[in-house]
């Protein structure tokens, strides 16, 4: 029987701990004594590995999920794929809150408790949604895979916002969209710069790609400043209804233009200028190909995507329904809930991933996660919600509060300055985190 990889790894660790530096025996032991101890431990590891092998393999040594008997293979394969999916991200242990959140929401339990349970439940669901999307997109090729990631990359924020929009919570929707952008370009990027800078002192990334993304973010900033400026310019000479109608028409037209720009960006990224983005990921292609798409097939990934989306929608419904009670009882402003709390729900797993890859000195990937996700929110999700509000007769506009508009402008301005040189360090990360904390403090009062 061949040696199991886990056994080899354990033996390597045992040798390292049983030997001193440079492979010498530890003090207080003879060479033969140390060798005997290692051999004894190796024998124990082999016995333990053989037991595990017999437990999860058939008599021919094949895993049960590859057994020729269908009644053995299919249940085993279902269990194997389920386990691999659930262990794909450390935050998935929070899945225990999914049934709790749904049950407590269904029985109309204490609203703050319902909010907290569903808040915690959506975090691992967002991780599973991202995992299923990546597994499915690998099988569809680069173009369709890119579209899949663009569509489902921010699915949690989109679902929560659709539920809130349906309930007429326009302020929550606007603050949530802005909060998602701020959490990515300030919190996530700041953590990436800080963690990566402490470990590697100075890091570099593709400044051309970063500049393209930041330019599009600047355009999205203008799409919020112009409606606010127009509303103020109309002054008191027009009634509030007249100004609201004008802003609504402007928002509808602007949303369509932003969607067109995002479509052109996809063509730019996937077709006409794909070489720029290929350079960004070229160093990691060999490693990624070994890990991506090796767990779920297209059908399994599609089923997982549908099931997780349904659970996210249910938890989001209970989450949004409990917001009013949270505002009244906890004296937390709607702006703080939308700007700070809700973005954490959908981006927690993504945040962890970005910081981990930054510490591995893969800053192009970290930039792609942080800036790319922000750009999707600003150019795809937000204008889509404006158009959706137009369809379902909800007055969703791009006219944000003055505070939110100014904060968005300053955040994009600072971020563009910091990434313009294609280099990063821990001080720049501290700047971004400091600005995010200041914004969070200013949004706290109810």
Protein backbone atom coordinates (compact mmCIF):
# COMPACT_ATOMS: atom_id res chain seq x y z
CA UNK A 1 0.00 0.00 0.00
CA UNK A 2 1.36 3.43 -0.90
CA UNK A 3 2.06 5.97 1.81
CA UNK A 4 -0.77 8.45 2.49
CA UNK A 5 0.19 12.15 2.02
CA UNK A 6 -0.96 12.96 5.57
CA UNK A 7 1.36 10.30 6.94
CA UNK A 8 4.31 11.71 4.99
CA UNK A 9 3.59 15.17 6.32
CA UNK A 10 3.28 13.93 9.91
CA UNK A 11 6.55 11.99 9.60
CA UNK A 12 8.27 15.09 8.27
CA UNK A 13 7.00 17.12 11.21
CA UNK A 14 8.05 14.41 13.64
CA UNK A 15 11.55 14.30 12.19
CA UNK A 16 11.79 18.06 12.45
CA UNK A 17 10.74 18.08 16.10
CA UNK A 18 12.76 14.97 16.99
CA UNK A 19 15.92 16.46 15.48
CA UNK A 20 17.76 19.60 16.36
CA UNK A 21 18.79 22.27 13.86
CA UNK A 22 20.49 20.98 10.72
CA UNK A 23 19.07 17.51 11.33
CA UNK A 24 21.09 16.81 14.53
CA UNK A 25 19.50 14.80 17.34
CA UNK A 26 18.07 16.78 20.21
CA UNK A 27 20.16 17.24 23.30
CA UNK A 28 20.03 14.47 25.84
CA UNK A 29 19.52 11.67 23.27
CA UNK A 30 21.92 9.48 21.37
CA UNK A 31 21.76 9.12 17.63
CA UNK A 32 20.40 5.58 17.90
CA UNK A 33 17.92 6.57 20.58
CA UNK A 34 16.60 9.44 18.47
CA UNK A 35 16.34 7.20 15.42
CA UNK A 36 14.46 4.58 17.44
CA UNK A 37 11.98 7.18 18.67
CA UNK A 38 11.33 8.41 15.13
CA UNK A 39 10.90 4.86 13.82
CA UNK A 40 8.45 4.07 16.63
CA UNK A 41 6.43 7.20 15.92
CA UNK A 42 6.51 6.52 12.16
CA UNK A 43 5.16 3.04 12.79
CA UNK A 44 2.32 4.50 14.87
CA UNK A 45 1.50 7.02 12.11
CA UNK A 46 1.44 4.28 9.47
CA UNK A 47 -0.92 2.15 11.59
CA UNK A 48 -3.23 5.14 12.15
CA UNK A 49 -3.18 6.03 8.43
CA UNK A 50 -3.91 2.43 7.44
CA UNK A 51 -6.93 2.42 9.75
CA UNK A 52 -8.27 5.63 8.18
CA UNK A 53 -7.61 4.19 4.73
CA UNK A 54 -9.64 1.06 5.52
CA UNK A 55 -12.44 3.15 7.03
CA UNK A 56 -13.00 5.36 3.97
CA UNK A 57 -11.92 2.98 1.18
CA UNK A 58 -13.33 -0.24 -0.20
CA UNK A 59 -11.54 -3.59 -0.33
CA UNK A 60 -9.81 -2.62 -3.60
CA UNK A 61 -8.29 0.49 -2.00
CA UNK A 62 -10.54 2.89 -3.95
CA UNK A 63 -12.42 5.69 -2.13
CA UNK A 64 -16.09 4.89 -1.61
CA UNK A 65 -17.11 7.85 -3.81
CA UNK A 66 -15.31 6.11 -6.72
CA UNK A 67 -16.82 2.68 -6.03
CA UNK A 68 -18.33 0.86 -9.03
CA UNK A 69 -21.54 0.09 -7.11
CA UNK A 70 -23.99 2.98 -7.62
CA UNK A 71 -25.68 2.55 -4.22
CA UNK A 72 -22.27 3.02 -2.59
CA UNK A 73 -20.78 5.59 -4.96
CA UNK A 74 -23.56 8.20 -5.09
CA UNK A 75 -24.23 8.60 -1.31
CA UNK A 76 -20.48 8.60 -0.66
CA UNK A 77 -19.86 11.14 -3.41
CA UNK A 78 -22.63 13.38 -2.06
CA UNK A 79 -21.09 13.23 1.41
CA UNK A 80 -17.61 13.84 0.02
CA UNK A 81 -18.64 16.89 -2.06
CA UNK A 82 -20.67 18.29 0.83
CA UNK A 83 -17.73 17.98 3.20
CA UNK A 84 -15.32 19.54 0.70
CA UNK A 85 -17.72 22.44 0.15
CA UNK A 86 -18.32 23.06 3.85
CA UNK A 87 -14.59 23.05 4.61
CA UNK A 88 -13.72 25.39 1.72
CA UNK A 89 -13.55 28.43 4.03
CA UNK A 90 -12.95 28.82 7.79
CA UNK A 91 -15.98 31.11 8.24
CA UNK A 92 -18.32 28.25 7.27
CA UNK A 93 -18.56 27.18 10.91
CA UNK A 94 -21.07 30.02 11.22
CA UNK A 95 -23.52 27.95 9.15
CA UNK A 96 -25.04 26.79 12.45
CA UNK A 97 -26.74 30.20 12.59
CA UNK A 98 -28.61 29.65 9.30
CA UNK A 99 -31.38 27.39 10.69
CA UNK A 100 -31.48 29.41 13.91
CA UNK A 101 -31.94 32.68 12.02
CA UNK A 102 -34.66 31.25 9.78
CA UNK A 103 -36.58 29.61 12.66
CA UNK A 104 -36.38 32.65 14.96
CA UNK A 105 -37.42 34.90 12.09
CA UNK A 106 -40.36 32.66 11.17
CA UNK A 107 -41.74 32.71 14.72
CA UNK A 108 -41.26 36.52 14.94
CA UNK A 109 -38.87 36.33 17.87
CA UNK A 110 -37.19 39.36 19.44
CA UNK A 111 -36.12 41.52 16.42
CA UNK A 112 -32.58 42.31 17.70
CA UNK A 113 -31.95 38.58 18.17
CA UNK A 114 -33.34 37.85 14.69
CA UNK A 115 -31.09 40.56 13.23
CA UNK A 116 -27.94 39.21 14.90
CA UNK A 117 -28.66 35.56 13.99
CA UNK A 118 -29.35 36.31 10.34
CA UNK A 119 -26.42 38.74 10.23
CA UNK A 120 -24.11 35.90 11.29
CA UNK A 121 -25.90 33.40 9.01
CA UNK A 122 -25.35 35.38 5.81
CA UNK A 123 -21.55 35.57 6.33
CA UNK A 124 -20.89 31.85 5.61
CA UNK A 125 -23.63 31.79 2.96
CA UNK A 126 -21.73 34.54 1.14
CA UNK A 127 -18.61 32.38 1.32
CA UNK A 128 -20.46 29.35 -0.12
CA UNK A 129 -21.99 31.51 -2.85
CA UNK A 130 -18.55 32.75 -3.86
CA UNK A 131 -17.17 29.19 -3.78
CA UNK A 132 -19.97 27.77 -5.97
CA UNK A 133 -19.62 30.67 -8.42
CA UNK A 134 -15.87 30.11 -8.81
CA UNK A 135 -16.33 26.35 -9.27
CA UNK A 136 -18.96 26.91 -11.95
CA UNK A 137 -17.10 29.70 -13.73
CA UNK A 138 -13.97 27.54 -14.18
CA UNK A 139 -15.97 25.10 -16.31
CA UNK A 140 -17.47 27.83 -18.49
CA UNK A 141 -14.27 29.33 -19.87
CA UNK A 142 -12.79 32.78 -19.45
CA UNK A 143 -15.56 34.90 -21.00
CA UNK A 144 -18.58 33.22 -19.44
CA UNK A 145 -16.63 32.71 -16.25
CA UNK A 146 -15.96 36.43 -16.06
CA UNK A 147 -19.63 37.16 -16.56
CA UNK A 148 -20.54 34.65 -13.84
CA UNK A 149 -18.16 36.26 -11.38
CA UNK A 150 -19.45 39.71 -12.32
CA UNK A 151 -23.05 38.60 -11.79
CA UNK A 152 -22.67 36.62 -8.56
CA UNK A 153 -19.57 38.27 -7.10
CA UNK A 154 -21.70 40.69 -5.11
CA UNK A 155 -24.86 38.58 -5.01
CA UNK A 156 -25.34 38.90 -1.26
CA UNK A 157 -25.34 42.71 -1.35
CA UNK A 158 -27.66 42.56 -4.36
CA UNK A 159 -30.13 40.20 -2.67
CA UNK A 160 -30.21 42.17 0.58
CA UNK A 161 -30.67 45.41 -1.36
CA UNK A 162 -33.45 43.98 -3.53
CA UNK A 163 -35.35 42.89 -0.40
CA UNK A 164 -34.85 46.33 1.17
CA UNK A 165 -35.87 48.08 -2.07
CA UNK A 166 -39.03 45.98 -2.27
CA UNK A 167 -39.89 47.11 1.25
CA UNK A 168 -39.28 50.77 0.37
CA UNK A 169 -36.09 51.06 2.47
CA UNK A 170 -34.39 53.44 0.01
CA UNK A 171 -32.00 54.88 2.61
CA UNK A 172 -30.83 51.40 3.63
CA UNK A 173 -30.21 50.48 -0.02
CA UNK A 174 -28.22 53.63 -0.74
CA UNK A 175 -26.15 53.37 2.44
CA UNK A 176 -25.51 49.67 1.83
CA UNK A 177 -24.22 50.29 -1.68
CA UNK A 178 -21.95 53.08 -0.53
CA UNK A 179 -20.83 51.03 2.47
CA UNK A 180 -19.86 48.10 0.25
CA UNK A 181 -17.63 50.37 -1.83
CA UNK A 182 -16.05 52.00 1.23
CA UNK A 183 -15.43 48.69 2.99
CA UNK A 184 -13.58 47.41 -0.08
CA UNK A 185 -11.44 50.41 -0.99
CA UNK A 186 -10.71 51.51 2.60
CA UNK A 187 -11.09 48.56 4.98
CA UNK A 188 -10.07 45.64 2.75
CA UNK A 189 -7.40 47.48 0.76
CA UNK A 190 -6.11 49.07 3.97
CA UNK A 191 -5.79 45.67 5.66
CA UNK A 192 -4.05 44.29 2.54
CA UNK A 193 -1.54 47.14 2.45
CA UNK A 194 -0.96 46.95 6.21
CA UNK A 195 -0.59 43.17 6.52
CA UNK A 196 1.41 42.82 3.31
CA UNK A 197 3.57 45.85 4.10
CA UNK A 198 4.51 44.60 7.57
CA UNK A 199 5.68 41.28 6.10
CA UNK A 200 7.26 42.48 2.83
CA UNK A 201 8.10 46.15 3.58
CA UNK A 202 7.14 47.34 0.07
CA UNK A 203 4.99 45.59 -2.53
CA UNK A 204 4.22 46.33 -6.16
CA UNK A 205 1.28 45.64 -8.45
CA UNK A 206 0.12 46.31 -12.01
CA UNK A 207 -0.38 50.08 -12.01
CA UNK A 208 -2.05 50.06 -15.46
CA UNK A 209 -4.88 47.79 -14.33
CA UNK A 210 -5.23 49.64 -11.02
CA UNK A 211 -5.35 52.98 -12.88
CA UNK A 212 -8.10 51.71 -15.20
CA UNK A 213 -10.19 50.55 -12.26
CA UNK A 214 -9.64 53.77 -10.32
CA UNK A 215 -10.63 55.86 -13.35
CA UNK A 216 -13.92 54.02 -13.59
CA UNK A 217 -14.42 54.56 -9.86
CA UNK A 218 -13.92 58.30 -10.45
CA UNK A 219 -16.65 58.22 -13.10
CA UNK A 220 -19.00 56.49 -10.67
CA UNK A 221 -18.19 59.20 -8.10
CA UNK A 222 -19.23 61.84 -10.61
CA UNK A 223 -22.53 59.99 -11.10
CA UNK A 224 -23.33 60.68 -7.44
CA UNK A 225 -21.97 64.23 -7.27
CA UNK A 226 -23.93 65.47 -10.29
CA UNK A 227 -27.42 64.57 -8.95
CA UNK A 228 -26.58 66.11 -5.55
CA UNK A 229 -25.26 69.26 -7.25
CA UNK A 230 -28.32 69.51 -9.49
CA UNK A 231 -30.66 69.11 -6.51
CA UNK A 232 -28.88 71.93 -4.68
CA UNK A 233 -28.75 74.13 -7.82
CA UNK A 234 -32.53 73.98 -8.27
CA UNK A 235 -32.80 75.74 -4.92
CA UNK A 236 -36.08 76.85 -3.41
CA UNK A 237 -37.59 78.08 -6.65
CA UNK A 238 -38.86 74.57 -7.40
CA UNK A 239 -41.09 72.43 -5.24
CA UNK A 240 -39.70 69.29 -3.62
CA UNK A 241 -41.81 67.08 -5.88
CA UNK A 242 -40.48 68.83 -8.98
CA UNK A 243 -36.88 68.43 -7.84
CA UNK A 244 -37.44 64.77 -6.95
CA UNK A 245 -38.93 64.09 -10.38
CA UNK A 246 -35.99 65.74 -12.14
CA UNK A 247 -33.49 63.80 -10.04
CA UNK A 248 -35.36 60.55 -10.75
CA UNK A 249 -35.20 61.12 -14.52
CA UNK A 250 -31.50 62.01 -14.30
CA UNK A 251 -30.80 58.90 -12.20
CA UNK A 252 -32.53 56.60 -14.69
CA UNK A 253 -30.48 57.94 -17.59
CA UNK A 254 -27.24 57.89 -15.59
CA UNK A 255 -27.86 54.30 -14.45
CA UNK A 256 -28.23 53.10 -18.04
CA UNK A 257 -24.97 54.86 -19.02
CA UNK A 258 -23.12 53.28 -16.08
CA UNK A 259 -24.37 49.82 -17.06
CA UNK A 260 -23.15 50.38 -20.61
CA UNK A 261 -19.74 51.49 -19.28
CA UNK A 262 -19.50 48.34 -17.16
CA UNK A 263 -20.35 46.21 -20.20
CA UNK A 264 -17.59 47.95 -22.15
CA UNK A 265 -15.19 47.31 -19.27
CA UNK A 266 -15.96 43.58 -19.46
CA UNK A 267 -15.17 43.62 -23.18
CA UNK A 268 -11.99 45.58 -22.43
CA UNK A 269 -10.96 43.09 -19.72
CA UNK A 270 -11.94 39.83 -21.39
CA UNK A 271 -11.38 40.56 -25.09
CA UNK A 272 -9.67 43.63 -26.49
CA UNK A 273 -7.09 44.24 -23.72
CA UNK A 274 -7.02 40.87 -22.03
CA UNK A 275 -3.22 40.82 -22.17
CA UNK A 276 -3.06 43.52 -19.50
CA UNK A 277 -5.03 41.37 -17.09
CA UNK A 278 -3.24 38.19 -18.18
CA UNK A 279 0.02 39.76 -17.02
CA UNK A 280 -1.64 40.41 -13.70
CA UNK A 281 -2.48 36.77 -13.09
CA UNK A 282 0.18 35.08 -15.18
CA UNK A 283 2.46 34.22 -12.26
CA UNK A 284 -0.30 32.38 -10.45
CA UNK A 285 -1.93 30.49 -13.30
CA UNK A 286 -0.09 27.23 -12.76
CA UNK A 287 -0.89 27.20 -9.06
CA UNK A 288 -4.52 28.18 -9.56
CA UNK A 289 -5.14 25.53 -12.20
CA UNK A 290 -4.15 22.87 -9.70
CA UNK A 291 -6.77 23.98 -7.19
CA UNK A 292 -9.66 25.49 -9.15
CA UNK A 293 -12.55 23.43 -10.39
CA UNK A 294 -11.35 20.21 -8.75
CA UNK A 295 -14.22 19.78 -6.28
CA UNK A 296 -17.64 20.48 -7.83
CA UNK A 297 -18.75 19.70 -11.35
CA UNK A 298 -20.99 22.10 -13.29
CA UNK A 299 -24.26 20.48 -12.17
CA UNK A 300 -23.24 20.24 -8.52
CA UNK A 301 -21.99 23.84 -8.54
CA UNK A 302 -25.21 25.02 -10.21
CA UNK A 303 -27.40 23.24 -7.65
CA UNK A 304 -25.29 24.65 -4.79
CA UNK A 305 -25.58 28.12 -6.29
CA UNK A 306 -29.38 27.93 -6.43
CA UNK A 307 -29.78 26.49 -2.92
CA UNK A 308 -27.43 29.00 -1.30
CA UNK A 309 -29.08 31.91 -3.14
CA UNK A 310 -32.48 30.85 -1.80
CA UNK A 311 -31.14 30.65 1.75
CA UNK A 312 -29.50 34.07 1.41
CA UNK A 313 -32.81 35.53 0.20
CA UNK A 314 -34.70 34.05 3.18
CA UNK A 315 -32.14 35.27 5.74
CA UNK A 316 -32.01 38.69 4.04
CA UNK A 317 -35.79 39.00 4.31
CA UNK A 318 -35.71 38.46 8.08
CA UNK A 319 -32.64 40.68 8.42
CA UNK A 320 -34.24 43.65 6.66
CA UNK A 321 -37.58 43.19 8.47
CA UNK A 322 -35.81 43.56 11.83
CA UNK A 323 -33.96 46.78 10.96
CA UNK A 324 -36.74 49.11 12.11
CA UNK A 325 -36.76 47.56 15.58
CA UNK A 326 -32.96 47.71 15.76
CA UNK A 327 -33.05 51.44 14.96
CA UNK A 328 -35.68 52.09 17.65
CA UNK A 329 -34.35 49.87 20.44
CA UNK A 330 -30.58 50.07 19.96
CA UNK A 331 -30.59 53.73 18.82
CA UNK A 332 -28.38 52.93 15.84
CA UNK A 333 -28.82 55.06 12.73
CA UNK A 334 -29.93 53.57 9.44
CA UNK A 335 -26.84 55.11 7.87
CA UNK A 336 -24.57 53.13 10.24
CA UNK A 337 -26.45 49.89 9.56
CA UNK A 338 -26.22 50.34 5.81
CA UNK A 339 -22.77 51.93 5.71
CA UNK A 340 -20.91 49.68 8.16
CA UNK A 341 -22.85 46.58 9.26
CA UNK A 342 -24.48 45.26 6.07
CA UNK A 343 -21.30 45.42 3.94
CA UNK A 344 -19.53 43.25 6.51
CA UNK A 345 -22.17 40.55 5.94
CA UNK A 346 -21.52 40.10 2.26
CA UNK A 347 -17.79 40.71 2.20
CA UNK A 348 -16.37 38.95 5.28
CA UNK A 349 -15.04 35.88 3.45
CA UNK A 350 -13.79 38.02 0.57
CA UNK A 351 -11.99 40.31 3.02
CA UNK A 352 -10.12 37.40 4.60
CA UNK A 353 -9.11 36.07 1.18
CA UNK A 354 -7.74 39.44 0.07
CA UNK A 355 -5.62 39.86 3.20
CA UNK A 356 -4.25 36.31 2.95
CA UNK A 357 -3.15 36.75 -0.68
CA UNK A 358 -1.63 40.14 0.17
CA UNK A 359 0.51 38.50 2.85
CA UNK A 360 1.64 36.04 0.19
CA UNK A 361 2.82 39.04 -1.87
CA UNK A 362 0.14 38.54 -4.55
CA UNK A 363 -0.92 42.18 -4.59
CA UNK A 364 -2.41 42.12 -8.08
CA UNK A 365 -4.96 39.59 -6.87
CA UNK A 366 -5.63 41.59 -3.70
CA UNK A 367 -6.13 44.78 -5.73
CA UNK A 368 -8.45 42.91 -8.06
CA UNK A 369 -10.58 41.73 -5.14
CA UNK A 370 -10.78 45.11 -3.40
CA UNK A 371 -10.98 47.61 -6.27
CA UNK A 372 -12.72 45.20 -8.65
CA UNK A 373 -15.49 44.43 -6.18
CA UNK A 374 -15.98 48.15 -5.47
CA UNK A 375 -16.23 48.84 -9.18
CA UNK A 376 -18.88 46.13 -9.60
CA UNK A 377 -20.96 47.72 -6.85
CA UNK A 378 -20.60 51.24 -8.27
CA UNK A 379 -21.02 50.45 -11.98
CA UNK A 380 -23.22 47.34 -11.97
CA UNK A 381 -25.18 46.73 -8.78
CA UNK A 382 -26.14 50.31 -7.89
CA UNK A 383 -27.37 51.32 -11.38
CA UNK A 384 -29.15 47.96 -11.67
CA UNK A 385 -31.05 48.74 -8.46
CA UNK A 386 -31.99 52.17 -9.84
CA UNK A 387 -33.40 50.51 -12.97
CA UNK A 388 -35.13 47.84 -10.85
CA UNK A 389 -36.71 50.56 -8.70
CA UNK A 390 -37.90 52.18 -11.92
CA UNK A 391 -39.55 48.89 -12.92
CA UNK A 392 -41.23 48.17 -9.55
CA UNK A 393 -42.16 51.83 -8.99
CA UNK A 394 -39.78 52.55 -6.11
CA UNK A 395 -38.05 56.00 -6.17
CA UNK A 396 -34.49 54.67 -6.02
CA UNK A 397 -32.16 57.43 -7.24
CA UNK A 398 -28.48 58.29 -7.36
CA UNK A 399 -29.14 61.33 -5.17
CA UNK A 400 -27.39 60.34 -1.95
CA UNK A 401 -27.16 62.45 1.20
CA UNK A 402 -24.51 65.19 1.15
CA UNK A 403 -22.53 63.40 3.86
CA UNK A 404 -22.46 60.15 1.89
CA UNK A 405 -21.55 61.86 -1.39
CA UNK A 406 -18.64 63.77 0.15
CA UNK A 407 -17.39 60.64 1.95
CA UNK A 408 -17.50 58.64 -1.28
CA UNK A 409 -15.62 61.35 -3.20
CA UNK A 410 -12.88 61.65 -0.56
CA UNK A 411 -12.47 57.87 -0.24
CA UNK A 412 -12.03 57.39 -3.99
CA UNK A 413 -9.71 60.41 -4.17
CA UNK A 414 -7.40 59.10 -1.43
CA UNK A 415 -7.43 55.57 -2.83
CA UNK A 416 -6.54 56.79 -6.33
CA UNK A 417 -3.60 58.74 -4.94
CA UNK A 418 -2.25 55.75 -3.03
CA UNK A 419 -2.43 53.21 -5.87
CA UNK A 420 -1.26 55.54 -8.66
CA UNK A 421 2.43 54.63 -8.23
CA UNK A 422 1.86 50.86 -8.34
CA UNK A 423 3.48 50.36 -4.93
CA UNK A 424 2.18 49.92 -1.40
CA UNK A 425 3.44 49.80 2.19
CA UNK A 426 2.05 49.50 5.70
CA UNK A 427 1.79 53.28 6.18
CA UNK A 428 -0.58 53.61 3.22
CA UNK A 429 -2.65 50.79 4.70
CA UNK A 430 -2.82 52.61 8.02
CA UNK A 431 -4.04 55.74 6.21
CA UNK A 432 -6.90 53.87 4.56
CA UNK A 433 -7.92 52.14 7.81
CA UNK A 434 -7.76 55.43 9.71
CA UNK A 435 -10.07 57.08 7.20
CA UNK A 436 -12.53 54.15 7.41
CA UNK A 437 -12.63 54.40 11.21
CA UNK A 438 -13.29 58.15 11.03
CA UNK A 439 -16.17 57.56 8.62
CA UNK A 440 -17.57 54.84 10.89
CA UNK A 441 -17.46 57.17 13.89
CA UNK A 442 -19.22 59.94 11.99
CA UNK A 443 -22.01 57.57 10.88
CA UNK A 444 -22.67 56.18 14.38
CA UNK A 445 -25.09 58.80 15.82
CA UNK A 446 -28.76 57.88 15.38
